[in-house]
């Protein structure tokens, strides 16, 4: 049964909304499920009931009468570009010429950073979503063009930029387009989420709509985010040793989500494909974390290969953004910027970036921290950042204990061994499951330009997926210790004395009285279970072999090599953990204890 989730309860068969196809991108069938995120963080914003200080919520039909999807007015901020045909196939070029929009190597001063237009283009393309900006005049102004229309989840074409929304949607969709826009415009919610049927059974496509607002809360438009959430679901299942069966006909899969045996291998290939970098004939050698630290200049003492490093400004200055912007005559405010597929003012770009559902950070190829989408105070962020850190070398915004693995991640992306690294990061809030994603940023010729770090809580996405599919979830509680255990917002696994608190107490083993034999055991590591084989001969441990694990390649390698050898040498699991891979080290020790205690 199609249903709407509203304010914490289901409303059955809201036919006025659900039987009309498409909202802001594709023609959808009447079996689509329309829902709004009901996470604790967004519980107020998804309640579309009338409140005292907002207008009355309109029905879809009423919204259609109210919203001008033909864009015959103008944006409240005065950003609508007059005297240019909105439907012109070269609208971007005409609009850019009319407004003398900056492009290329021109610097753009953002609220919390400084990037060239070229860097902005590449940064937006390096996001894991298809992004669209439609302004408060319902004019389609931009999308992060990186795929041809036929390869996109929500088809867009360059010649559509500038069009009124009415011209980029079928007539049958306009009632619901109007309803979504009006919900966001009038402040009844700031987020609408929809599951969208897809022909690929391995995808679960979601359309998210976020209101874009200025600093005073005035509506500036809609940020449409289209993405396939299935890889995120698979990652969460793997991290939690979970399996599932889908009984419902909704969703985008007919297979179970069992993460054991054969299916676990398939999911592992999809989720960890990016982190298992193998050397190819034309690629640079894969470095260990220790080697990467020697290779990568995390102190940013060099210069960007793209000539964008701003000289003669102290990177560590608390007002680096102001000083650097002045030094390069950076544009800001209502200046127009010509992007690869759209024209926006700097103010619009600022609010567009803030409207993304994730925390974003740009560090360039010189390992200099140049931008983050500032929208929360540091103590409220999942990955704490401060305005006075912008411009700093990466070494100055991370603890020394993290630099080795940070260097490894950077080097993996720089050398093209992968273009994506994903890590689950422990968090003190049991209602959150925090993930750090690292995406390589490249120019159009494939040259490395830096890293887009994406930090987000994926738990609301998992909850939405479970709600939509009716999946029967089974979590192996005996092994699960990952997820929300410690407050750690660093980008890589760090050595810490608190690690023991997040794992079960090791089984008691008398190492002076071991019986000969071969034993197997397992324990929870950073990414999942670690299974070991222990061989005892003559009453002492002669070999420890790691049989299976899903730890992050490169980062965990030293622990997997050194800890078993140390256990054999000392005939004990009371050995030192490997720096930078403490959770993996601890898991190996506990797995050996588990094996010998049976």
Protein backbone atom coordinates (compact mmCIF):
# COMPACT_ATOMS: atom_id res chain seq x y z
CA UNK A 1 0.00 0.00 0.00
CA UNK A 2 1.29 3.43 -0.89
CA UNK A 3 1.62 5.60 2.18
CA UNK A 4 2.91 8.94 3.35
CA UNK A 5 4.98 9.29 6.48
CA UNK A 6 4.10 12.59 8.11
CA UNK A 7 5.14 13.93 11.48
CA UNK A 8 5.78 10.49 12.96
CA UNK A 9 2.74 8.64 11.59
CA UNK A 10 1.59 7.06 8.34
CA UNK A 11 -1.26 8.59 6.36
CA UNK A 12 -2.83 5.95 4.12
CA UNK A 13 -3.71 6.53 0.46
CA UNK A 14 -3.23 10.25 0.18
CA UNK A 15 -4.33 9.93 -3.42
CA UNK A 16 -4.29 13.61 -4.28
CA UNK A 17 -0.55 13.54 -3.83
CA UNK A 18 0.49 10.03 -4.67
CA UNK A 19 -1.32 9.07 -7.84
CA UNK A 20 0.08 11.95 -9.87
CA UNK A 21 3.46 10.99 -11.35
CA UNK A 22 6.82 12.71 -10.87
CA UNK A 23 8.15 15.36 -8.61
CA UNK A 24 10.91 17.56 -10.01
CA UNK A 25 12.55 15.02 -12.29
CA UNK A 26 11.06 11.76 -13.64
CA UNK A 27 7.61 10.48 -14.52
CA UNK A 28 6.87 8.07 -11.70
CA UNK A 29 4.34 5.30 -11.38
CA UNK A 30 1.47 5.43 -8.88
CA UNK A 31 3.31 2.83 -6.80
CA UNK A 32 5.93 5.32 -5.70
CA UNK A 33 6.29 5.92 -2.01
CA UNK A 34 6.40 9.51 -0.86
CA UNK A 35 7.88 10.20 2.54
CA UNK A 36 9.61 12.76 4.66
CA UNK A 37 12.59 12.12 6.87
CA UNK A 38 11.43 11.67 10.47
CA UNK A 39 14.85 11.62 12.12
CA UNK A 40 15.29 13.36 15.46
CA UNK A 41 17.33 16.10 13.84
CA UNK A 42 14.65 16.93 11.29
CA UNK A 43 11.49 16.00 13.19
CA UNK A 44 10.26 19.60 13.32
CA UNK A 45 10.99 20.38 9.71
CA UNK A 46 9.08 17.42 8.32
CA UNK A 47 5.90 18.23 10.20
CA UNK A 48 3.76 19.85 7.53
CA UNK A 49 0.90 20.73 9.83
CA UNK A 50 -0.05 24.39 10.02
CA UNK A 51 1.78 26.45 12.63
CA UNK A 52 0.95 29.92 13.91
CA UNK A 53 3.60 31.87 12.04
CA UNK A 54 3.31 30.29 8.60
CA UNK A 55 0.70 30.34 5.85
CA UNK A 56 -1.89 27.61 5.59
CA UNK A 57 -0.52 24.47 3.96
CA UNK A 58 -1.94 24.11 0.46
CA UNK A 59 -3.16 20.98 -1.24
CA UNK A 60 -1.29 19.98 -4.41
CA UNK A 61 -4.08 21.49 -6.54
CA UNK A 62 -4.03 24.75 -4.56
CA UNK A 63 -0.24 24.87 -4.75
CA UNK A 64 -0.47 24.49 -8.53
CA UNK A 65 -2.64 27.60 -8.69
CA UNK A 66 -0.28 29.49 -6.37
CA UNK A 67 3.13 28.57 -7.79
CA UNK A 68 4.21 30.14 -11.08
CA UNK A 69 6.15 27.30 -12.69
CA UNK A 70 6.44 29.29 -15.91
CA UNK A 71 8.79 31.75 -14.14
CA UNK A 72 7.04 34.87 -15.41
CA UNK A 73 8.07 36.88 -12.36
CA UNK A 74 11.52 37.52 -11.01
CA UNK A 75 13.58 36.32 -8.06
CA UNK A 76 13.11 38.28 -4.83
CA UNK A 77 16.87 38.88 -4.66
CA UNK A 78 16.87 40.52 -8.09
CA UNK A 79 18.98 37.74 -9.60
CA UNK A 80 16.68 36.92 -12.53
CA UNK A 81 18.50 37.83 -15.74
CA UNK A 82 16.17 39.86 -17.95
CA UNK A 83 15.90 40.09 -21.75
CA UNK A 84 17.17 36.57 -22.38
CA UNK A 85 14.90 33.78 -23.58
CA UNK A 86 14.82 31.28 -20.70
CA UNK A 87 14.30 28.42 -23.16
CA UNK A 88 17.29 29.28 -25.34
CA UNK A 89 19.58 26.29 -25.75
CA UNK A 90 22.59 28.53 -25.09
CA UNK A 91 21.00 30.34 -22.14
CA UNK A 92 24.11 29.79 -19.99
CA UNK A 93 26.37 31.51 -22.52
CA UNK A 94 23.94 34.38 -23.12
CA UNK A 95 23.28 34.90 -19.41
CA UNK A 96 26.98 34.80 -18.58
CA UNK A 97 27.73 37.40 -21.25
CA UNK A 98 24.89 39.67 -20.15
CA UNK A 99 26.02 39.66 -16.51
CA UNK A 100 29.77 39.58 -17.21
CA UNK A 101 29.91 36.42 -15.12
CA UNK A 102 33.35 35.37 -13.96
CA UNK A 103 34.73 31.95 -14.82
CA UNK A 104 37.88 29.87 -15.07
CA UNK A 105 40.71 30.88 -12.74
CA UNK A 106 38.84 33.79 -11.12
CA UNK A 107 38.72 33.44 -7.35
CA UNK A 108 35.36 33.32 -5.58
CA UNK A 109 35.17 34.38 -1.95
CA UNK A 110 32.68 32.09 -0.18
CA UNK A 111 31.33 32.40 3.35
CA UNK A 112 33.87 29.90 4.63
CA UNK A 113 36.55 29.55 2.01
CA UNK A 114 38.12 30.68 -1.22
CA UNK A 115 38.03 28.71 -4.48
CA UNK A 116 38.49 29.45 -8.15
CA UNK A 117 35.55 28.85 -10.48
CA UNK A 118 37.40 25.85 -11.90
CA UNK A 119 37.79 24.44 -8.40
CA UNK A 120 34.10 25.04 -7.70
CA UNK A 121 33.08 23.18 -10.85
CA UNK A 122 35.28 20.20 -10.04
CA UNK A 123 34.22 20.22 -6.37
CA UNK A 124 30.51 20.12 -7.23
CA UNK A 125 31.08 17.28 -9.70
CA UNK A 126 32.99 15.32 -7.04
CA UNK A 127 29.89 15.10 -4.86
CA UNK A 128 28.19 11.69 -4.69
CA UNK A 129 24.83 13.15 -5.71
CA UNK A 130 23.14 14.60 -8.77
CA UNK A 131 22.47 18.21 -7.71
CA UNK A 132 20.03 20.73 -9.17
CA UNK A 133 19.34 24.36 -8.23
CA UNK A 134 15.97 25.97 -9.06
CA UNK A 135 15.53 29.50 -7.69
CA UNK A 136 12.58 31.17 -5.94
CA UNK A 137 11.26 32.22 -9.37
CA UNK A 138 11.07 28.51 -10.26
CA UNK A 139 13.79 28.83 -12.87
CA UNK A 140 16.17 25.89 -13.35
CA UNK A 141 19.60 27.54 -13.02
CA UNK A 142 22.20 24.82 -12.53
CA UNK A 143 23.05 21.13 -12.25
CA UNK A 144 26.40 19.47 -11.59
CA UNK A 145 26.81 18.06 -15.08
CA UNK A 146 29.07 15.01 -14.94
CA UNK A 147 27.15 12.35 -16.87
CA UNK A 148 25.23 12.27 -20.11
CA UNK A 149 21.46 12.51 -19.69
CA UNK A 150 20.87 8.83 -20.43
CA UNK A 151 23.34 7.81 -17.71
CA UNK A 152 21.79 9.96 -14.99
CA UNK A 153 19.27 8.85 -12.36
CA UNK A 154 17.33 12.07 -12.97
CA UNK A 155 17.87 13.02 -16.59
CA UNK A 156 19.09 16.59 -17.24
CA UNK A 157 20.51 18.21 -20.36
CA UNK A 158 22.81 21.25 -20.68
CA UNK A 159 20.34 22.95 -23.02
CA UNK A 160 17.68 22.90 -20.26
CA UNK A 161 19.59 25.22 -17.93
CA UNK A 162 17.69 28.50 -17.63
CA UNK A 163 14.31 26.94 -18.38
CA UNK A 164 11.23 27.47 -16.20
CA UNK A 165 10.40 24.34 -14.21
CA UNK A 166 7.22 23.95 -16.26
CA UNK A 167 9.35 23.35 -19.36
CA UNK A 168 11.53 20.61 -17.87
CA UNK A 169 8.68 18.48 -16.48
CA UNK A 170 5.71 16.79 -18.12
CA UNK A 171 2.38 18.51 -17.58
CA UNK A 172 1.14 15.60 -15.47
CA UNK A 173 3.86 16.32 -12.91
CA UNK A 174 3.29 20.02 -12.39
CA UNK A 175 0.70 19.70 -9.62
CA UNK A 176 3.12 17.80 -7.41
CA UNK A 177 6.09 19.92 -8.42
CA UNK A 178 4.08 22.90 -7.21
CA UNK A 179 3.23 21.18 -3.93
CA UNK A 180 6.85 20.36 -3.10
CA UNK A 181 8.03 23.86 -4.00
CA UNK A 182 5.27 25.45 -1.92
CA UNK A 183 6.01 23.28 1.11
CA UNK A 184 9.60 24.53 1.06
CA UNK A 185 8.77 28.13 0.14
CA UNK A 186 6.25 28.57 2.96
CA UNK A 187 8.40 26.85 5.58
CA UNK A 188 6.04 23.96 6.29
CA UNK A 189 9.13 21.77 5.98
CA UNK A 190 12.70 22.24 4.80
CA UNK A 191 13.10 18.70 3.45
CA UNK A 192 10.97 16.31 1.39
CA UNK A 193 12.20 12.81 0.60
CA UNK A 194 10.81 10.41 -2.02
CA UNK A 195 11.68 6.87 -3.02
CA UNK A 196 11.53 6.57 -6.81
CA UNK A 197 10.99 3.29 -8.70
CA UNK A 198 13.94 2.31 -10.85
CA UNK A 199 14.35 -0.37 -13.50
CA UNK A 200 17.67 -1.55 -12.05
CA UNK A 201 17.02 -4.07 -9.22
CA UNK A 202 20.40 -3.24 -7.69
CA UNK A 203 19.51 0.42 -7.13
CA UNK A 204 17.24 2.18 -4.65
CA UNK A 205 16.85 5.71 -5.98
CA UNK A 206 15.85 8.57 -3.70
CA UNK A 207 14.98 12.17 -4.52
CA UNK A 208 15.56 14.68 -1.73
CA UNK A 209 14.38 18.28 -1.88
CA UNK A 210 15.96 20.83 0.45
CA UNK A 211 14.84 24.43 0.85
CA UNK A 212 17.59 26.98 0.16
CA UNK A 213 17.45 30.01 2.45
CA UNK A 214 19.57 33.09 3.07
CA UNK A 215 21.00 34.02 6.46
CA UNK A 216 17.71 35.69 7.43
CA UNK A 217 15.70 32.61 6.51
CA UNK A 218 14.28 34.01 3.26
CA UNK A 219 13.48 31.37 0.65
CA UNK A 220 15.93 31.27 -2.28
CA UNK A 221 14.93 28.07 -4.07
CA UNK A 222 15.17 24.28 -4.09
CA UNK A 223 18.19 22.01 -3.94
CA UNK A 224 17.20 18.70 -5.53
CA UNK A 225 19.46 15.79 -4.58
CA UNK A 226 19.10 12.54 -6.53
CA UNK A 227 21.08 9.46 -5.53
CA UNK A 228 21.16 5.70 -5.23
CA UNK A 229 21.14 4.83 -1.52
CA UNK A 230 21.75 1.08 -1.99
CA UNK A 231 25.57 1.25 -1.56
CA UNK A 232 25.04 3.13 1.71
CA UNK A 233 22.58 0.48 2.89
CA UNK A 234 25.03 -2.28 1.97
CA UNK A 235 27.84 -0.53 3.84
CA UNK A 236 25.69 -0.14 6.96
CA UNK A 237 24.70 -3.82 6.79
CA UNK A 238 28.32 -4.88 6.47
CA UNK A 239 29.44 -2.66 9.34
CA UNK A 240 26.71 -4.00 11.62
CA UNK A 241 27.01 -7.69 10.65
CA UNK A 242 23.38 -7.41 9.56
CA UNK A 243 21.26 -9.32 7.10
CA UNK A 244 17.78 -8.64 5.79
CA UNK A 245 14.93 -10.02 3.75
CA UNK A 246 12.62 -7.78 1.77
CA UNK A 247 9.01 -8.91 1.72
CA UNK A 248 7.52 -5.73 0.31
CA UNK A 249 7.25 -5.07 -3.42
CA UNK A 250 8.50 -1.51 -3.02
CA UNK A 251 12.12 -0.56 -3.27
CA UNK A 252 14.65 -1.56 -5.89
CA UNK A 253 15.78 -5.04 -5.05
CA UNK A 254 14.40 -8.56 -5.10
CA UNK A 255 17.44 -10.03 -3.41
CA UNK A 256 17.99 -10.43 0.30
CA UNK A 257 20.57 -8.24 1.99
CA UNK A 258 22.29 -11.16 3.70
CA UNK A 259 25.86 -10.04 4.32
CA UNK A 260 27.13 -13.54 5.00
CA UNK A 261 28.78 -16.07 2.73
CA UNK A 262 28.27 -15.38 -0.97
CA UNK A 263 26.29 -12.15 -0.66
CA UNK A 264 28.84 -10.69 1.76
CA UNK A 265 31.49 -11.10 -0.89
CA UNK A 266 29.31 -9.32 -3.48
CA UNK A 267 28.54 -6.44 -1.14
CA UNK A 268 32.17 -6.19 -0.07
CA UNK A 269 33.22 -5.85 -3.69
CA UNK A 270 30.72 -3.03 -4.21
CA UNK A 271 31.26 -1.15 -0.96
CA UNK A 272 35.00 -1.61 -0.51
CA UNK A 273 35.91 -1.65 -4.18
CA UNK A 274 37.34 1.84 -3.83
CA UNK A 275 39.48 1.05 -0.81
CA UNK A 276 41.11 -2.08 -2.21
CA UNK A 277 43.54 -0.42 -4.57
CA UNK A 278 45.76 -2.69 -6.63
CA UNK A 279 48.87 -1.62 -8.49
CA UNK A 280 48.45 -1.55 -12.26
CA UNK A 281 51.11 -1.36 -14.93
CA UNK A 282 50.75 2.38 -15.45
CA UNK A 283 50.02 3.35 -11.85
CA UNK A 284 52.37 4.50 -9.12
CA UNK A 285 53.22 1.90 -6.46
CA UNK A 286 50.74 1.57 -3.62
CA UNK A 287 52.35 3.00 -0.50
CA UNK A 288 51.91 1.86 3.07
CA UNK A 289 50.63 4.48 5.56
CA UNK A 290 54.20 4.98 6.76
CA UNK A 291 55.49 5.50 3.21
CA UNK A 292 52.57 7.79 2.37
CA UNK A 293 53.42 10.02 5.33
CA UNK A 294 56.93 10.42 3.92
CA UNK A 295 55.60 11.12 0.42
CA UNK A 296 52.67 13.43 1.14
CA UNK A 297 53.46 16.98 2.19
CA UNK A 298 50.62 17.47 4.68
CA UNK A 299 52.33 20.70 5.76
CA UNK A 300 51.42 22.21 2.37
CA UNK A 301 54.91 23.63 1.86
CA UNK A 302 54.72 23.35 -1.91
CA UNK A 303 52.26 24.76 -4.43
CA UNK A 304 49.23 23.49 -6.26
CA UNK A 305 50.02 22.08 -9.68
CA UNK A 306 47.13 24.20 -10.97
CA UNK A 307 48.74 27.47 -9.87
CA UNK A 308 46.00 28.30 -7.38
CA UNK A 309 48.12 28.52 -4.21
CA UNK A 310 48.01 32.11 -2.95
CA UNK A 311 51.50 33.29 -2.08
CA UNK A 312 52.56 35.74 0.62
CA UNK A 313 49.57 35.03 2.86
CA UNK A 314 50.20 33.10 6.07
CA UNK A 315 48.23 29.85 5.77
CA UNK A 316 47.81 29.71 9.53
CA UNK A 317 46.37 33.23 9.81
CA UNK A 318 42.96 33.25 11.50
CA UNK A 319 41.72 35.68 8.84
CA UNK A 320 43.29 33.83 5.91
CA UNK A 321 40.07 34.01 3.88
CA UNK A 322 39.94 37.81 4.17
CA UNK A 323 43.63 38.29 3.43
CA UNK A 324 43.68 35.83 0.53
CA UNK A 325 40.47 37.20 -1.01
CA UNK A 326 41.95 40.70 -0.96
CA UNK A 327 45.23 39.51 -2.45
CA UNK A 328 43.53 37.93 -5.48
CA UNK A 329 40.61 40.38 -5.89
CA UNK A 330 38.12 37.58 -5.32
CA UNK A 331 34.52 38.20 -6.35
CA UNK A 332 31.69 37.84 -3.86
CA UNK A 333 28.10 38.75 -3.06
CA UNK A 334 25.84 39.33 -6.06
CA UNK A 335 28.56 38.82 -8.68
CA UNK A 336 27.53 36.21 -11.24
CA UNK A 337 29.61 33.08 -11.74
CA UNK A 338 29.52 30.97 -14.89
CA UNK A 339 29.69 27.32 -13.89
CA UNK A 340 30.01 24.34 -16.22
CA UNK A 341 26.26 24.10 -16.54
CA UNK A 342 24.61 27.09 -15.00
CA UNK A 343 24.92 30.68 -13.86
CA UNK A 344 24.61 31.58 -10.17
CA UNK A 345 25.61 34.52 -8.02
CA UNK A 346 28.19 33.97 -5.29
CA UNK A 347 25.42 34.38 -2.71
CA UNK A 348 23.40 31.65 -4.41
CA UNK A 349 26.43 29.35 -4.48
CA UNK A 350 27.00 29.93 -0.76
CA UNK A 351 23.46 29.00 0.21
CA UNK A 352 23.36 26.12 -2.29
CA UNK A 353 26.42 24.56 -0.67
CA UNK A 354 24.96 25.06 2.80
CA UNK A 355 21.76 23.34 1.66
CA UNK A 356 23.61 20.10 0.94
CA UNK A 357 22.64 17.31 3.35
CA UNK A 358 26.25 16.62 4.32
CA UNK A 359 29.30 18.39 5.72
CA UNK A 360 31.66 19.17 2.84
CA UNK A 361 35.37 20.02 2.94
CA UNK A 362 37.73 20.89 0.07
CA UNK A 363 41.49 20.34 0.47
CA UNK A 364 43.53 21.00 -2.67
CA UNK A 365 46.36 19.03 -4.28
CA UNK A 366 48.84 20.98 -2.11
CA UNK A 367 47.06 19.58 0.98
CA UNK A 368 45.74 23.00 1.97
CA UNK A 369 42.28 23.21 3.58
CA UNK A 370 40.42 25.75 1.41
CA UNK A 371 36.69 25.48 2.13
CA UNK A 372 33.91 23.88 4.13
CA UNK A 373 30.17 24.49 3.91
CA UNK A 374 29.85 26.31 7.22
CA UNK A 375 26.32 26.00 8.59
CA UNK A 376 26.81 24.75 12.15
CA UNK A 377 29.06 25.69 15.04
CA UNK A 378 32.05 23.32 15.56
CA UNK A 379 30.53 21.61 18.59
CA UNK A 380 27.40 20.77 16.58
CA UNK A 381 29.24 19.29 13.61
CA UNK A 382 29.96 15.62 13.01
CA UNK A 383 33.47 16.57 11.88
CA UNK A 384 34.42 19.73 13.74
CA UNK A 385 35.73 22.60 11.62
CA UNK A 386 36.34 26.27 12.47
CA UNK A 387 36.39 29.35 10.27
CA UNK A 388 39.83 30.31 11.55
CA UNK A 389 41.22 26.98 10.26
CA UNK A 390 40.43 27.69 6.61
CA UNK A 391 43.66 28.16 4.67
CA UNK A 392 45.66 25.94 7.03
CA UNK A 393 47.80 22.98 6.02
CA UNK A 394 46.08 19.65 6.68
CA UNK A 395 48.76 18.83 9.26
CA UNK A 396 47.51 21.78 11.32
CA UNK A 397 43.88 20.67 11.44
CA UNK A 398 44.49 17.03 12.41
CA UNK A 399 46.21 15.48 15.43
CA UNK A 400 49.66 14.08 14.80
CA UNK A 401 48.42 10.54 15.46
CA UNK A 402 46.09 10.81 12.44
CA UNK A 403 48.61 12.08 9.90
CA UNK A 404 49.93 8.70 8.81
CA UNK A 405 46.55 7.35 7.76
CA UNK A 406 45.44 10.73 6.45
CA UNK A 407 48.47 10.64 4.15
CA UNK A 408 47.53 7.16 3.00
CA UNK A 409 44.01 8.25 2.04
CA UNK A 410 45.34 11.27 0.15
CA UNK A 411 47.91 9.20 -1.69
CA UNK A 412 45.36 6.59 -2.72
CA UNK A 413 43.30 9.34 -4.35
CA UNK A 414 46.22 11.33 -5.75
CA UNK A 415 47.80 8.34 -7.51
CA UNK A 416 44.51 7.07 -8.88
CA UNK A 417 44.48 3.76 -7.01
CA UNK A 418 40.89 4.64 -6.16
CA UNK A 419 38.61 7.66 -6.45
CA UNK A 420 36.65 6.95 -3.26
CA UNK A 421 37.46 5.82 0.29
CA UNK A 422 34.66 5.21 2.81
CA UNK A 423 35.05 4.82 6.58
CA UNK A 424 32.60 4.28 9.40
CA UNK A 425 33.65 6.52 12.30
CA UNK A 426 32.75 5.78 15.94
CA UNK A 427 30.38 8.32 17.49
CA UNK A 428 29.10 8.87 21.01
CA UNK A 429 25.45 9.15 19.93
CA UNK A 430 23.85 5.68 19.57
CA UNK A 431 21.19 7.17 17.27
CA UNK A 432 23.80 8.13 14.68
CA UNK A 433 25.98 6.15 12.29
CA UNK A 434 28.64 8.57 11.06
CA UNK A 435 30.47 7.95 7.80
CA UNK A 436 33.42 9.82 6.30
CA UNK A 437 33.68 9.61 2.50
CA UNK A 438 36.70 10.88 0.59
CA UNK A 439 36.27 11.63 -3.12
CA UNK A 440 39.08 12.58 -5.47
CA UNK A 441 38.56 15.88 -7.28
CA UNK A 442 39.84 15.97 -10.87
CA UNK A 443 39.83 18.48 -13.70
CA UNK A 444 38.37 17.64 -17.10
CA UNK A 445 41.67 16.06 -18.15
CA UNK A 446 41.74 13.77 -15.12
CA UNK A 447 44.44 15.69 -13.25
CA UNK A 448 44.19 15.48 -9.47
CA UNK A 449 42.92 18.69 -7.84
CA UNK A 450 42.34 17.61 -4.26
CA UNK A 451 39.86 15.90 -1.96
CA UNK A 452 36.19 16.37 -1.24
CA UNK A 453 35.58 15.05 2.28
CA UNK A 454 31.92 14.24 2.89
CA UNK A 455 30.85 13.65 6.50
CA UNK A 456 27.32 12.55 7.28
CA UNK A 457 25.04 10.51 9.49
CA UNK A 458 23.61 7.68 7.37
CA UNK A 459 21.23 6.34 10.02
CA UNK A 460 18.21 8.38 8.80
CA UNK A 461 18.80 6.98 5.31
CA UNK A 462 18.87 3.42 6.67
CA UNK A 463 15.69 4.09 8.67
CA UNK A 464 13.98 5.44 5.55
CA UNK A 465 15.02 2.40 3.52
CA UNK A 466 13.74 0.01 6.20
CA UNK A 467 10.48 1.93 6.31
CA UNK A 468 10.03 1.81 2.54
CA UNK A 469 10.98 -1.82 1.96
CA UNK A 470 9.49 -3.40 5.08
CA UNK A 471 12.76 -5.33 5.33
CA UNK A 472 13.10 -7.88 8.12
CA UNK A 473 16.42 -6.94 9.71
CA UNK A 474 18.63 -9.38 11.58
CA UNK A 475 21.71 -8.03 13.39
CA UNK A 476 24.32 -10.33 14.90
CA UNK A 477 24.61 -8.59 18.28
CA UNK A 478 27.42 -10.88 19.43
CA UNK A 479 29.95 -9.24 17.11
CA UNK A 480 28.65 -5.72 16.65
CA UNK A 481 30.71 -3.10 18.45
CA UNK A 482 31.25 -0.72 15.55
CA UNK A 483 29.23 2.41 14.90
CA UNK A 484 28.40 4.64 17.85
CA UNK A 485 30.97 3.91 20.53
CA UNK A 486 33.26 6.90 20.93
CA UNK A 487 33.17 10.56 20.00
CA UNK A 488 35.73 10.63 17.23
CA UNK A 489 35.30 12.97 14.29
CA UNK A 490 38.75 12.44 12.79
CA UNK A 491 39.09 11.25 9.24
CA UNK A 492 40.93 8.03 10.03
CA UNK A 493 41.15 5.39 12.73
CA UNK A 494 43.29 6.72 15.61
CA UNK A 495 45.16 4.98 18.38
CA UNK A 496 43.45 5.74 21.70
CA UNK A 497 43.44 4.42 25.23
CA UNK A 498 39.64 4.41 25.16
CA UNK A 499 39.49 1.65 22.56
CA UNK A 500 39.11 -1.07 25.16
CA UNK A 501 35.86 0.49 26.35
CA UNK A 502 34.20 -0.16 22.99
CA UNK A 503 35.05 -3.86 22.84
CA UNK A 504 34.10 -6.84 24.96
CA UNK A 505 36.41 -7.89 27.75
CA UNK A 506 38.86 -10.48 26.48
CA UNK A 507 38.29 -14.07 27.48
CA UNK A 508 40.63 -15.38 30.18
CA UNK A 509 43.37 -17.60 28.75
CA UNK A 510 46.15 -19.43 30.65
CA UNK A 511 49.06 -19.14 28.21
CA UNK A 512 51.26 -21.31 30.44
CA UNK A 513 48.99 -24.31 29.93
CA UNK A 514 48.02 -24.45 26.26
CA UNK A 515 46.98 -27.71 24.61
CA UNK A 516 48.42 -28.54 21.21
CA UNK A 517 46.03 -28.12 18.32
CA UNK A 518 44.61 -25.74 15.72
CA UNK A 519 41.98 -23.28 16.87
CA UNK A 520 39.84 -20.61 15.21
CA UNK A 521 38.21 -17.55 16.71
CA UNK A 522 36.84 -14.14 15.78
CA UNK A 523 36.30 -10.65 17.15
CA UNK A 524 34.97 -7.32 15.90
CA UNK A 525 37.41 -5.04 14.08
CA UNK A 526 37.01 -1.56 12.63
CA UNK A 527 34.93 -2.66 9.63
CA UNK A 528 33.63 -6.07 10.71
CA UNK A 529 34.60 -9.45 12.08
CA UNK A 530 38.26 -10.55 12.05
CA UNK A 531 38.74 -14.34 11.99
CA UNK A 532 42.03 -15.98 12.98
CA UNK A 533 43.61 -19.41 13.09
CA UNK A 534 45.92 -20.21 16.03
CA UNK A 535 48.34 -23.16 15.96
CA UNK A 536 49.74 -24.48 19.27
CA UNK A 537 52.65 -26.94 19.28
CA UNK A 538 54.63 -28.06 22.31
CA UNK A 539 52.39 -25.95 24.53
CA UNK A 540 53.25 -22.64 22.85
CA UNK A 541 51.76 -20.60 20.03
CA UNK A 542 53.69 -21.27 16.84
CA UNK A 543 51.49 -19.46 14.31
CA UNK A 544 48.64 -16.96 14.13
CA UNK A 545 47.01 -16.54 10.72
CA UNK A 546 44.35 -13.96 9.87
CA UNK A 547 41.86 -15.95 7.80
CA UNK A 548 39.23 -13.36 6.95
CA UNK A 549 38.65 -9.66 7.57
CA UNK A 550 37.06 -6.59 5.99
CA UNK A 551 39.43 -3.99 7.42
CA UNK A 552 40.47 -1.03 5.28
CA UNK A 553 43.24 -2.01 2.89
CA UNK A 554 46.53 -0.24 3.53
CA UNK A 555 45.57 1.15 6.93
CA UNK A 556 45.09 -2.27 8.52
CA UNK A 557 47.99 -4.02 6.76
CA UNK A 558 50.67 -3.27 9.40
CA UNK A 559 48.45 -4.61 12.20
CA UNK A 560 47.58 -7.77 10.27
CA UNK A 561 51.29 -8.37 9.68
CA UNK A 562 52.85 -7.28 12.98
CA UNK A 563 50.35 -8.24 15.69
CA UNK A 564 50.24 -12.01 14.91
CA UNK A 565 54.07 -12.09 14.84
CA UNK A 566 54.22 -10.30 18.20
CA UNK A 567 51.74 -12.75 19.73
CA UNK A 568 53.85 -15.71 18.57
CA UNK A 569 57.06 -14.09 19.81
CA UNK A 570 55.61 -13.35 23.26
CA UNK A 571 53.31 -16.38 23.47
CA UNK A 572 50.72 -13.91 24.73
CA UNK A 573 48.11 -11.49 23.48
CA UNK A 574 49.42 -8.77 25.76
CA UNK A 575 51.34 -7.04 22.98
CA UNK A 576 51.46 -3.48 21.68
CA UNK A 577 48.82 -2.28 19.25
CA UNK A 578 49.94 -0.98 15.86
CA UNK A 579 49.86 2.80 15.66
CA UNK A 580 47.01 4.00 13.45
CA UNK A 581 45.28 0.61 13.45
CA UNK A 582 44.39 0.11 17.09
CA UNK A 583 40.93 -1.37 16.49
CA UNK A 584 42.29 -3.93 14.05
CA UNK A 585 45.14 -4.77 16.45
CA UNK A 586 42.73 -5.21 19.34
CA UNK A 587 40.45 -7.39 17.21
CA UNK A 588 43.31 -9.77 16.36
CA UNK A 589 44.26 -10.11 20.04
CA UNK A 590 40.67 -10.73 21.07
CA UNK A 591 40.14 -13.22 18.24
CA UNK A 592 43.18 -15.20 19.46
CA UNK A 593 41.80 -15.13 23.01
CA UNK A 594 38.45 -16.24 21.66
CA UNK A 595 40.06 -19.15 19.81
CA UNK A 596 42.13 -20.37 22.76
CA UNK A 597 39.31 -20.06 25.29
CA UNK A 598 37.08 -22.54 23.46
